[in-house]
Amino acid sequence: MAASLNEYFNEQFGIKEQDIRTFSPLTLAYIGDAVFDVIVRSILVNKGNTAVNKLHVRASSIVKAGTQAMIIKTVMDDLTDEEKDIYRRGRNSKPHTKAKNATTMDYLDATGFEAVIGFLYLKGDMDRVCDIVKIAIEKANLDLLK
């Protein structure tokens, strides 16, 4: 079995594995935001060559806090108890920043979503990350695969 991307990075850069259960929800959200962004960008780019400004507009409409808040509400019933707990920890965290174009509640919900994605990524469970994104695309009718 191949190592997860995170395990690969740790191996390549000589980083000792950490217990991710001790990470703050904001740390999980920090990496989860990047992972979700890479997934969305990868889907868009791999569908074919497109003008970069169009790729940016489409990706930005999906990775923004308002859409992420909608996604987490859409997939909530499909999350495991552990994922719901990570989401609640992320949502209830006290971020030191605020999204420019989102309500406070949307920003907190998005932070919870990103924490779930980050937790799963660091855990090495990209299959589950992709499951959640697929469920979101289907249930929320995201304009990602069209």
Protein backbone atom coordinates (compact mmCIF):
# COMPACT_ATOMS: atom_id res chain seq x y z
CA MET A 1 0.00 0.00 0.00
CA ALA A 2 1.32 3.42 -0.95
CA ALA A 3 1.96 5.99 1.75
CA SER A 4 -0.42 8.92 2.05
CA LEU A 5 0.76 12.23 0.67
CA ASN A 6 1.28 13.52 4.20
CA GLU A 7 3.32 10.43 5.14
CA TYR A 8 5.33 10.90 1.96
CA PHE A 9 6.11 14.51 2.88
CA ASN A 10 7.09 13.50 6.42
CA GLU A 11 9.42 10.85 5.04
CA GLN A 12 10.95 13.15 2.43
CA PHE A 13 11.61 15.96 4.90
CA GLY A 14 12.52 13.85 7.95
CA ILE A 15 9.53 14.94 10.00
CA LYS A 16 8.51 12.75 12.92
CA GLU A 17 4.86 11.64 12.88
CA GLN A 18 2.64 13.58 15.26
CA ASP A 19 -0.53 12.60 17.12
CA ILE A 20 -3.08 14.59 15.13
CA ARG A 21 -5.67 14.20 17.89
CA THR A 22 -3.66 16.81 19.79
CA PHE A 23 -3.81 19.37 16.96
CA SER A 24 -5.98 22.42 17.42
CA PRO A 25 -9.07 22.58 15.21
CA LEU A 26 -7.65 25.71 13.59
CA THR A 27 -4.50 23.79 12.62
CA LEU A 28 -6.67 21.07 11.10
CA ALA A 29 -8.69 23.74 9.26
CA TYR A 30 -5.50 25.39 8.00
CA ILE A 31 -4.37 22.26 6.17
CA GLY A 32 -7.94 21.24 5.30
CA ASP A 33 -8.48 24.51 3.46
CA ALA A 34 -5.43 23.82 1.27
CA VAL A 35 -6.39 20.18 0.67
CA PHE A 36 -9.94 21.10 -0.38
CA ASP A 37 -8.55 23.81 -2.66
CA VAL A 38 -6.16 21.35 -4.33
CA ILE A 39 -8.99 18.83 -4.86
CA VAL A 40 -11.25 21.43 -6.46
CA ARG A 41 -8.45 22.84 -8.62
CA SER A 42 -7.38 19.32 -9.65
CA ILE A 43 -10.92 18.41 -10.72
CA LEU A 44 -11.23 21.58 -12.76
CA VAL A 45 -7.79 21.36 -14.39
CA ASN A 46 -8.08 17.66 -15.18
CA LYS A 47 -11.32 18.25 -17.07
CA GLY A 48 -9.31 19.98 -19.79
CA ASN A 49 -7.30 23.03 -20.68
CA THR A 50 -9.19 26.20 -19.77
CA ALA A 51 -8.26 29.85 -19.36
CA VAL A 52 -6.71 30.40 -15.94
CA ASN A 53 -9.08 33.25 -15.07
CA LYS A 54 -12.06 30.94 -15.70
CA LEU A 55 -10.47 28.24 -13.54
CA HIS A 56 -9.93 30.77 -10.78
CA VAL A 57 -13.51 32.04 -10.89
CA ARG A 58 -14.95 28.51 -10.79
CA ALA A 59 -12.62 27.32 -8.01
CA SER A 60 -13.17 30.46 -5.95
CA SER A 61 -16.93 30.03 -6.10
CA ILE A 62 -16.57 26.59 -4.50
CA VAL A 63 -13.78 27.05 -1.96
CA LYS A 64 -15.25 30.22 -0.45
CA ALA A 65 -16.66 30.14 3.08
CA GLY A 66 -20.31 30.45 2.04
CA THR A 67 -20.13 27.41 -0.22
CA GLN A 68 -18.16 25.41 2.33
CA ALA A 69 -20.80 26.22 4.96
CA MET A 70 -23.49 24.99 2.59
CA ILE A 71 -21.45 21.84 1.87
CA ILE A 72 -21.05 20.88 5.52
CA LYS A 73 -24.77 21.30 6.15
CA THR A 74 -25.50 19.15 3.10
CA VAL A 75 -23.17 16.30 4.11
CA MET A 76 -23.71 16.42 7.89
CA ASP A 77 -25.92 13.31 7.96
CA ASP A 78 -23.24 11.40 6.04
CA LEU A 79 -20.44 12.17 8.52
CA THR A 80 -19.26 9.70 11.13
CA ASP A 81 -19.53 10.60 14.81
CA GLU A 82 -15.79 11.28 14.88
CA GLU A 83 -16.06 13.61 11.87
CA LYS A 84 -19.02 15.42 13.46
CA ASP A 85 -16.95 15.92 16.60
CA ILE A 86 -14.06 17.38 14.58
CA TYR A 87 -16.54 19.64 12.76
CA ARG A 88 -17.98 20.91 16.07
CA ARG A 89 -14.49 21.58 17.43
CA GLY A 90 -13.65 23.55 14.29
CA ARG A 91 -16.92 25.46 14.25
CA ASN A 92 -16.58 26.34 17.94
CA SER A 93 -12.96 27.48 17.66
CA LYS A 94 -12.03 31.11 18.01
CA PRO A 95 -10.38 32.11 14.72
CA HIS A 96 -8.37 35.30 14.81
CA THR A 97 -9.44 36.27 11.32
CA LYS A 98 -12.73 36.71 9.51
CA ALA A 99 -13.65 35.94 5.93
CA LYS A 100 -13.98 39.03 3.78
CA ASN A 101 -17.21 38.04 2.07
CA ALA A 102 -18.94 35.69 4.52
CA THR A 103 -21.12 35.89 7.58
CA THR A 104 -19.59 34.93 10.90
CA MET A 105 -21.71 31.76 11.01
CA ASP A 106 -20.71 30.75 7.48
CA TYR A 107 -17.07 31.34 8.36
CA LEU A 108 -17.33 29.18 11.48
CA ASP A 109 -19.19 26.41 9.59
CA ALA A 110 -16.53 26.56 6.86
CA THR A 111 -13.81 26.31 9.49
CA GLY A 112 -15.51 23.18 10.83
CA PHE A 113 -15.68 21.71 7.33
CA GLU A 114 -12.01 22.48 6.71
CA ALA A 115 -11.09 20.90 10.06
CA VAL A 116 -12.79 17.65 8.99
CA ILE A 117 -10.95 17.66 5.66
CA GLY A 118 -7.64 18.45 7.39
CA PHE A 119 -8.13 15.74 10.00
CA LEU A 120 -8.86 13.11 7.37
CA TYR A 121 -5.91 14.23 5.24
CA LEU A 122 -3.48 14.08 8.17
CA LYS A 123 -4.95 10.73 9.16
CA GLY A 124 -4.11 9.48 5.66
CA ASP A 125 -7.73 8.87 4.67
CA MET A 126 -7.96 10.59 1.30
CA ASP A 127 -10.58 8.03 0.22
CA ARG A 128 -12.91 9.46 2.86
CA VAL A 129 -12.04 13.05 1.87
CA CYS A 130 -13.01 12.22 -1.71
CA ASP A 131 -16.19 10.47 -0.52
CA ILE A 132 -17.25 13.64 1.29
CA VAL A 133 -16.45 15.82 -1.73
CA LYS A 134 -18.39 13.44 -4.02
CA ILE A 135 -21.39 13.50 -1.67
CA ALA A 136 -21.22 17.31 -1.62
CA ILE A 137 -21.05 17.50 -5.41
CA GLU A 138 -24.07 15.25 -5.72
CA LYS A 139 -26.27 16.55 -2.90
CA ALA A 140 -25.41 20.23 -3.21
CA ASN A 141 -25.42 20.24 -7.03
CA LEU A 142 -22.00 21.87 -7.11
CA ASP A 143 -21.05 23.05 -10.56
CA LEU A 144 -17.77 21.18 -10.45
CA LEU A 145 -18.10 18.23 -12.76
CA LYS A 146 -20.11 19.94 -15.48
